[in-house]
């Protein structure tokens, strides 16, 4: 039995979708400051000292917290895909697999940590609140730059026709674009078509419904 520590609509949504896709037995544990049960409590920090989601319980080793807890979205997605190779959610050919990892690392390290970190967590960049508006404005510019790159890449070098572990992560960033009032359909038509195909998958719809996310955000 897997246990996923998550926050609705956070990057943990991609791991939630993958668990649904694999039709595995799993439990969800809500960790959201907005819902009153945050990631900075002593209890959760004893499980995952990084104080972030997602975290997945049911692996080997540890990162300083409870044994068997795996952190970092790319690691969780790869772990689940390789634990269940019959799913074909991670390519077996080394070049195609490397491209998936390339996508995951860039989305996690650059788009999420840098651009969205500037918008939603400016205090992680600079301590002076007077500087927060400038940091957030720069984050918006970085999102626009990164989203244009995603659109260009999807147009120039489409993802594999088969569904992979990259697709639910792209769905998360589409959702976040809507949350910061980006014209996702108008500016990114190729990405929009990709998302329209992704949200037709029953596993995706189940995860969105469980997390209370409106399907209309993806149309």
C-alpha atoms as a PDB file:
ATOM      1  CA  UNK A   1       0.000   0.000   0.000  1.00  0.00           C
ATOM      2  CA  UNK A   2       1.428   3.353  -1.049  1.00  0.00           C
ATOM      3  CA  UNK A   3       0.786   6.546   0.922  1.00  0.00           C
ATOM      4  CA  UNK A   4       1.052   9.851  -0.934  1.00  0.00           C
ATOM      5  CA  UNK A   5       1.420  13.091   0.986  1.00  0.00           C
ATOM      6  CA  UNK A   6      -0.120  15.760  -1.234  1.00  0.00           C
ATOM      7  CA  UNK A   7      -1.627  19.210  -1.528  1.00  0.00           C
ATOM      8  CA  UNK A   8      -4.508  19.843  -3.971  1.00  0.00           C
ATOM      9  CA  UNK A   9      -3.244  21.112  -7.306  1.00  0.00           C
ATOM     10  CA  UNK A  10       0.399  21.095  -6.212  1.00  0.00           C
ATOM     11  CA  UNK A  11       3.037  19.211  -8.187  1.00  0.00           C
ATOM     12  CA  UNK A  12       1.995  16.185  -6.122  1.00  0.00           C
ATOM     13  CA  UNK A  13      -1.032  16.014  -8.441  1.00  0.00           C
ATOM     14  CA  UNK A  14       1.202  14.372 -11.060  1.00  0.00           C
ATOM     15  CA  UNK A  15       2.129  11.580  -8.634  1.00  0.00           C
ATOM     16  CA  UNK A  16      -1.543  11.201  -7.666  1.00  0.00           C
ATOM     17  CA  UNK A  17      -2.472  10.830 -11.337  1.00  0.00           C
ATOM     18  CA  UNK A  18       0.213   8.191 -11.832  1.00  0.00           C
ATOM     19  CA  UNK A  19      -1.022   6.137  -8.881  1.00  0.00           C
ATOM     20  CA  UNK A  20      -4.529   6.266 -10.363  1.00  0.00           C
ATOM     21  CA  UNK A  21      -3.158   5.348 -13.791  1.00  0.00           C
ATOM     22  CA  UNK A  22      -1.406   2.280 -12.395  1.00  0.00           C
ATOM     23  CA  UNK A  23      -4.574   1.289 -10.488  1.00  0.00           C
ATOM     24  CA  UNK A  24      -2.503   0.656  -7.383  1.00  0.00           C
ATOM     25  CA  UNK A  25      -3.793   0.495  -3.820  1.00  0.00           C
ATOM     26  CA  UNK A  26      -2.854   3.788  -2.191  1.00  0.00           C
ATOM     27  CA  UNK A  27      -3.868   6.234   0.494  1.00  0.00           C
ATOM     28  CA  UNK A  28      -3.736  10.015   0.387  1.00  0.00           C
ATOM     29  CA  UNK A  29      -2.707  12.229   3.266  1.00  0.00           C
ATOM     30  CA  UNK A  30      -3.507  15.906   2.877  1.00  0.00           C
ATOM     31  CA  UNK A  31      -0.694  18.320   3.662  1.00  0.00           C
ATOM     32  CA  UNK A  32      -1.745  21.847   2.799  1.00  0.00           C
ATOM     33  CA  UNK A  33      -1.298  25.056   4.727  1.00  0.00           C
ATOM     34  CA  UNK A  34      -4.444  26.346   3.018  1.00  0.00           C
ATOM     35  CA  UNK A  35      -6.427  23.440   4.456  1.00  0.00           C
ATOM     36  CA  UNK A  36      -5.002  23.774   7.948  1.00  0.00           C
ATOM     37  CA  UNK A  37      -2.695  20.733   7.952  1.00  0.00           C
ATOM     38  CA  UNK A  38       0.639  22.025   6.733  1.00  0.00           C
ATOM     39  CA  UNK A  39       4.004  20.624   5.802  1.00  0.00           C
ATOM     40  CA  UNK A  40       5.912  22.421   8.564  1.00  0.00           C
ATOM     41  CA  UNK A  41       4.427  20.619  11.551  1.00  0.00           C
ATOM     42  CA  UNK A  42       6.840  18.629  13.745  1.00  0.00           C
ATOM     43  CA  UNK A  43       4.967  15.451  12.846  1.00  0.00           C
ATOM     44  CA  UNK A  44       5.349  15.923   9.090  1.00  0.00           C
ATOM     45  CA  UNK A  45       8.941  17.132   9.343  1.00  0.00           C
ATOM     46  CA  UNK A  46       9.737  13.889  11.160  1.00  0.00           C
ATOM     47  CA  UNK A  47       8.423  12.079   8.069  1.00  0.00           C
ATOM     48  CA  UNK A  48       9.939  14.382   5.449  1.00  0.00           C
ATOM     49  CA  UNK A  49      12.472  16.876   6.826  1.00  0.00           C
ATOM     50  CA  UNK A  50      12.303  18.855   3.564  1.00  0.00           C
ATOM     51  CA  UNK A  51       8.805  19.969   4.533  1.00  0.00           C
ATOM     52  CA  UNK A  52       7.422  19.728   1.005  1.00  0.00           C
ATOM     53  CA  UNK A  53       5.074  17.601  -1.063  1.00  0.00           C
ATOM     54  CA  UNK A  54       4.958  15.173  -2.680  1.00  0.00           C
ATOM     55  CA  UNK A  55       6.340  12.437  -0.509  1.00  0.00           C
ATOM     56  CA  UNK A  56       5.604   8.785  -1.162  1.00  0.00           C
ATOM     57  CA  UNK A  57       5.776   6.103   1.493  1.00  0.00           C
ATOM     58  CA  UNK A  58       6.662   2.635   0.229  1.00  0.00           C
ATOM     59  CA  UNK A  59      10.221   2.653  -1.022  1.00  0.00           C
ATOM     60  CA  UNK A  60      13.642   1.756   0.388  1.00  0.00           C
ATOM     61  CA  UNK A  61      16.097   3.936   2.310  1.00  0.00           C
ATOM     62  CA  UNK A  62      15.377   7.389   3.724  1.00  0.00           C
ATOM     63  CA  UNK A  63      16.267  11.066   3.408  1.00  0.00           C
ATOM     64  CA  UNK A  64      16.570  11.746   7.120  1.00  0.00           C
ATOM     65  CA  UNK A  65      12.946  11.142   8.032  1.00  0.00           C
ATOM     66  CA  UNK A  66      10.828   8.007   8.251  1.00  0.00           C
ATOM     67  CA  UNK A  67      12.314   4.992   6.527  1.00  0.00           C
ATOM     68  CA  UNK A  68      10.773   4.232   3.153  1.00  0.00           C
ATOM     69  CA  UNK A  69       9.662   7.787   2.315  1.00  0.00           C
ATOM     70  CA  UNK A  70      10.697   8.974  -1.158  1.00  0.00           C
ATOM     71  CA  UNK A  71      10.692  12.686  -2.052  1.00  0.00           C
ATOM     72  CA  UNK A  72      11.087  14.834  -5.195  1.00  0.00           C
ATOM     73  CA  UNK A  73       8.505  14.480  -7.951  1.00  0.00           C
ATOM     74  CA  UNK A  74      10.845  13.219 -10.736  1.00  0.00           C
ATOM     75  CA  UNK A  75      12.173  10.499  -8.419  1.00  0.00           C
ATOM     76  CA  UNK A  76       8.665   9.422  -7.390  1.00  0.00           C
ATOM     77  CA  UNK A  77       7.405   9.263 -10.978  1.00  0.00           C
ATOM     78  CA  UNK A  78      10.419   7.255 -12.135  1.00  0.00           C
ATOM     79  CA  UNK A  79      10.184   4.924  -9.145  1.00  0.00           C
ATOM     80  CA  UNK A  80       6.521   4.133  -9.779  1.00  0.00           C
ATOM     81  CA  UNK A  81       7.031   3.691 -13.524  1.00  0.00           C
ATOM     82  CA  UNK A  82       9.962   1.308 -13.075  1.00  0.00           C
ATOM     83  CA  UNK A  83       8.255  -0.582 -10.263  1.00  0.00           C
ATOM     84  CA  UNK A  84       5.528  -1.324 -12.786  1.00  0.00           C
ATOM     85  CA  UNK A  85       7.298  -1.656 -16.172  1.00  0.00           C
ATOM     86  CA  UNK A  86       4.236  -3.248 -17.757  1.00  0.00           C
ATOM     87  CA  UNK A  87       2.643   0.221 -17.722  1.00  0.00           C
ATOM     88  CA  UNK A  88       5.156   1.564 -20.287  1.00  0.00           C
ATOM     89  CA  UNK A  89       4.894   4.967 -18.619  1.00  0.00           C
ATOM     90  CA  UNK A  90       8.675   5.411 -18.762  1.00  0.00           C
ATOM     91  CA  UNK A  91      10.395   4.594 -22.067  1.00  0.00           C
ATOM     92  CA  UNK A  92      12.782   1.660 -22.019  1.00  0.00           C
ATOM     93  CA  UNK A  93      14.992   2.930 -24.837  1.00  0.00           C
ATOM     94  CA  UNK A  94      17.818   4.941 -23.203  1.00  0.00           C
ATOM     95  CA  UNK A  95      17.540   7.969 -25.480  1.00  0.00           C
ATOM     96  CA  UNK A  96      13.782   8.325 -24.993  1.00  0.00           C
ATOM     97  CA  UNK A  97      14.132   7.798 -21.247  1.00  0.00           C
ATOM     98  CA  UNK A  98      16.834  10.475 -21.090  1.00  0.00           C
ATOM     99  CA  UNK A  99      14.465  12.915 -22.823  1.00  0.00           C
ATOM    100  CA  UNK A 100      11.796  12.203 -20.220  1.00  0.00           C
ATOM    101  CA  UNK A 101      14.296  12.879 -17.433  1.00  0.00           C
ATOM    102  CA  UNK A 102      15.404  16.026 -19.254  1.00  0.00           C
ATOM    103  CA  UNK A 103      11.805  17.305 -19.260  1.00  0.00           C
ATOM    104  CA  UNK A 104      11.219  16.361 -15.610  1.00  0.00           C
ATOM    105  CA  UNK A 105      14.409  17.980 -14.360  1.00  0.00           C
ATOM    106  CA  UNK A 106      13.834  21.236 -16.222  1.00  0.00           C
ATOM    107  CA  UNK A 107      10.162  21.505 -15.248  1.00  0.00           C
ATOM    108  CA  UNK A 108      10.987  20.811 -11.616  1.00  0.00           C
ATOM    109  CA  UNK A 109      14.228  22.739 -11.281  1.00  0.00           C
ATOM    110  CA  UNK A 110      13.620  25.753 -13.506  1.00  0.00           C
ATOM    111  CA  UNK A 111       9.899  26.302 -14.083  1.00  0.00           C
ATOM    112  CA  UNK A 112       8.737  25.249 -10.631  1.00  0.00           C
ATOM    113  CA  UNK A 113      11.592  26.168  -8.317  1.00  0.00           C
ATOM    114  CA  UNK A 114      12.739  29.362 -10.031  1.00  0.00           C
ATOM    115  CA  UNK A 115       9.807  30.937 -11.867  1.00  0.00           C
ATOM    116  CA  UNK A 116       6.914  29.882  -9.636  1.00  0.00           C
ATOM    117  CA  UNK A 117       9.109  30.169  -6.555  1.00  0.00           C
ATOM    118  CA  UNK A 118       9.535  33.851  -7.390  1.00  0.00           C
ATOM    119  CA  UNK A 119       5.784  34.351  -7.844  1.00  0.00           C
ATOM    120  CA  UNK A 120       4.435  32.374  -4.891  1.00  0.00           C
ATOM    121  CA  UNK A 121       7.385  32.287  -2.485  1.00  0.00           C
ATOM    122  CA  UNK A 122       9.365  35.535  -2.945  1.00  0.00           C
ATOM    123  CA  UNK A 123      10.534  35.249   0.673  1.00  0.00           C
ATOM    124  CA  UNK A 124      12.706  32.335  -0.418  1.00  0.00           C
ATOM    125  CA  UNK A 125      14.552  34.662  -2.798  1.00  0.00           C
ATOM    126  CA  UNK A 126      14.941  37.801  -0.696  1.00  0.00           C
ATOM    127  CA  UNK A 127      14.111  38.758   2.873  1.00  0.00           C
ATOM    128  CA  UNK A 128      13.010  42.372   2.355  1.00  0.00           C
ATOM    129  CA  UNK A 129       9.220  42.454   1.750  1.00  0.00           C
ATOM    130  CA  UNK A 130       9.621  45.750  -0.098  1.00  0.00           C
ATOM    131  CA  UNK A 131      11.398  43.812  -2.841  1.00  0.00           C
ATOM    132  CA  UNK A 132       8.720  41.122  -3.184  1.00  0.00           C
ATOM    133  CA  UNK A 133       6.780  42.864  -6.016  1.00  0.00           C
ATOM    134  CA  UNK A 134       9.903  43.056  -8.175  1.00  0.00           C
ATOM    135  CA  UNK A 135      10.738  39.409  -7.510  1.00  0.00           C
ATOM    136  CA  UNK A 136       7.178  38.357  -8.339  1.00  0.00           C
ATOM    137  CA  UNK A 137       7.184  40.433 -11.543  1.00  0.00           C
ATOM    138  CA  UNK A 138      10.404  38.737 -12.605  1.00  0.00           C
ATOM    139  CA  UNK A 139       8.790  35.382 -11.869  1.00  0.00           C
ATOM    140  CA  UNK A 140       5.930  36.227 -14.222  1.00  0.00           C
ATOM    141  CA  UNK A 141       8.435  37.067 -16.954  1.00  0.00           C
ATOM    142  CA  UNK A 142      10.226  33.783 -16.335  1.00  0.00           C
ATOM    143  CA  UNK A 143       6.960  31.850 -16.586  1.00  0.00           C
ATOM    144  CA  UNK A 144       6.188  33.533 -19.915  1.00  0.00           C
ATOM    145  CA  UNK A 145       9.673  32.658 -21.188  1.00  0.00           C
ATOM    146  CA  UNK A 146       9.457  29.053 -19.989  1.00  0.00           C
ATOM    147  CA  UNK A 147       5.932  28.515 -21.286  1.00  0.00           C
ATOM    148  CA  UNK A 148       6.947  29.802 -24.714  1.00  0.00           C
ATOM    149  CA  UNK A 149       9.785  27.275 -24.631  1.00  0.00           C
ATOM    150  CA  UNK A 150       7.382  24.449 -23.748  1.00  0.00           C
ATOM    151  CA  UNK A 151       5.133  25.395 -26.669  1.00  0.00           C
ATOM    152  CA  UNK A 152       8.116  25.569 -29.023  1.00  0.00           C
ATOM    153  CA  UNK A 153       9.438  22.196 -27.885  1.00  0.00           C
ATOM    154  CA  UNK A 154       6.069  20.468 -28.176  1.00  0.00           C
ATOM    155  CA  UNK A 155       5.771  21.837 -31.691  1.00  0.00           C
ATOM    156  CA  UNK A 156       9.335  21.064 -32.805  1.00  0.00           C
ATOM    157  CA  UNK A 157       9.829  17.775 -30.988  1.00  0.00           C
ATOM    158  CA  UNK A 158       6.526  16.306 -29.790  1.00  0.00           C
ATOM    159  CA  UNK A 159       6.435  13.993 -26.814  1.00  0.00           C
ATOM    160  CA  UNK A 160       6.087  10.282 -27.598  1.00  0.00           C
ATOM    161  CA  UNK A 161       2.638   9.389 -28.870  1.00  0.00           C
ATOM    162  CA  UNK A 162       2.297   7.035 -25.929  1.00  0.00           C
ATOM    163  CA  UNK A 163       1.413   8.491 -22.550  1.00  0.00           C
ATOM    164  CA  UNK A 164       4.446   8.997 -20.308  1.00  0.00           C
ATOM    165  CA  UNK A 165       5.317  10.290 -16.852  1.00  0.00           C
ATOM    166  CA  UNK A 166       5.940  13.734 -18.377  1.00  0.00           C
ATOM    167  CA  UNK A 167       2.309  14.278 -19.402  1.00  0.00           C
ATOM    168  CA  UNK A 168       0.778  14.692 -15.919  1.00  0.00           C
ATOM    169  CA  UNK A 169       3.543  17.146 -15.005  1.00  0.00           C
ATOM    170  CA  UNK A 170       2.725  19.276 -18.045  1.00  0.00           C
ATOM    171  CA  UNK A 171      -0.907  19.178 -16.899  1.00  0.00           C
ATOM    172  CA  UNK A 172       0.125  20.594 -13.505  1.00  0.00           C
ATOM    173  CA  UNK A 173       1.903  23.525 -15.114  1.00  0.00           C
ATOM    174  CA  UNK A 174      -1.069  24.135 -17.404  1.00  0.00           C
ATOM    175  CA  UNK A 175      -3.266  24.358 -14.302  1.00  0.00           C
ATOM    176  CA  UNK A 176      -0.862  26.767 -12.641  1.00  0.00           C
ATOM    177  CA  UNK A 177      -0.855  28.933 -15.760  1.00  0.00           C
ATOM    178  CA  UNK A 178      -4.623  29.227 -15.406  1.00  0.00           C
ATOM    179  CA  UNK A 179      -4.228  30.124 -11.748  1.00  0.00           C
ATOM    180  CA  UNK A 180      -1.995  33.085 -12.605  1.00  0.00           C
ATOM    181  CA  UNK A 181      -4.416  34.200 -15.350  1.00  0.00           C
ATOM    182  CA  UNK A 182      -2.374  33.231 -18.405  1.00  0.00           C
ATOM    183  CA  UNK A 183      -4.163  32.874 -21.758  1.00  0.00           C
ATOM    184  CA  UNK A 184      -3.230  29.215 -22.016  1.00  0.00           C
ATOM    185  CA  UNK A 185      -5.391  28.304 -25.014  1.00  0.00           C
ATOM    186  CA  UNK A 186      -4.624  31.428 -26.975  1.00  0.00           C
ATOM    187  CA  UNK A 187      -0.862  31.508 -26.458  1.00  0.00           C
ATOM    188  CA  UNK A 188      -0.079  27.794 -26.402  1.00  0.00           C
ATOM    189  CA  UNK A 189      -2.270  25.894 -28.904  1.00  0.00           C
ATOM    190  CA  UNK A 190      -0.011  22.828 -29.230  1.00  0.00           C
ATOM    191  CA  UNK A 191       0.230  22.465 -25.481  1.00  0.00           C
ATOM    192  CA  UNK A 192      -3.550  22.960 -25.299  1.00  0.00           C
ATOM    193  CA  UNK A 193      -4.106  20.042 -27.660  1.00  0.00           C
ATOM    194  CA  UNK A 194      -1.830  17.864 -25.541  1.00  0.00           C
ATOM    195  CA  UNK A 195      -3.793  18.733 -22.407  1.00  0.00           C
ATOM    196  CA  UNK A 196      -7.128  18.026 -24.086  1.00  0.00           C
ATOM    197  CA  UNK A 197      -5.928  14.477 -24.735  1.00  0.00           C
ATOM    198  CA  UNK A 198      -4.532  14.059 -21.227  1.00  0.00           C
ATOM    199  CA  UNK A 199      -7.750  15.049 -19.433  1.00  0.00           C
ATOM    200  CA  UNK A 200      -9.697  12.407 -21.350  1.00  0.00           C
ATOM    201  CA  UNK A 201      -7.902   9.719 -19.377  1.00  0.00           C
ATOM    202  CA  UNK A 202     -10.102   8.289 -16.590  1.00  0.00           C
ATOM    203  CA  UNK A 203      -7.191   8.249 -14.128  1.00  0.00           C
ATOM    204  CA  UNK A 204      -6.637  11.967 -14.640  1.00  0.00           C
ATOM    205  CA  UNK A 205     -10.305  12.741 -14.095  1.00  0.00           C
ATOM    206  CA  UNK A 206     -10.418  10.645 -10.926  1.00  0.00           C
ATOM    207  CA  UNK A 207      -7.422  12.460  -9.455  1.00  0.00           C
ATOM    208  CA  UNK A 208      -8.805  15.883 -10.359  1.00  0.00           C
ATOM    209  CA  UNK A 209     -12.179  15.033  -8.834  1.00  0.00           C
ATOM    210  CA  UNK A 210     -10.581  13.783  -5.611  1.00  0.00           C
ATOM    211  CA  UNK A 211      -8.531  16.975  -5.286  1.00  0.00           C
ATOM    212  CA  UNK A 212     -11.539  19.174  -6.047  1.00  0.00           C
ATOM    213  CA  UNK A 213     -10.106  20.690  -9.224  1.00  0.00           C
ATOM    214  CA  UNK A 214     -12.607  21.933 -11.806  1.00  0.00           C
ATOM    215  CA  UNK A 215     -12.274  20.283 -15.222  1.00  0.00           C
ATOM    216  CA  UNK A 216     -13.271  23.551 -16.888  1.00  0.00           C
ATOM    217  CA  UNK A 217      -9.793  24.902 -16.098  1.00  0.00           C
ATOM    218  CA  UNK A 218      -8.417  22.597 -18.778  1.00  0.00           C
ATOM    219  CA  UNK A 219     -10.737  23.648 -21.604  1.00  0.00           C
END
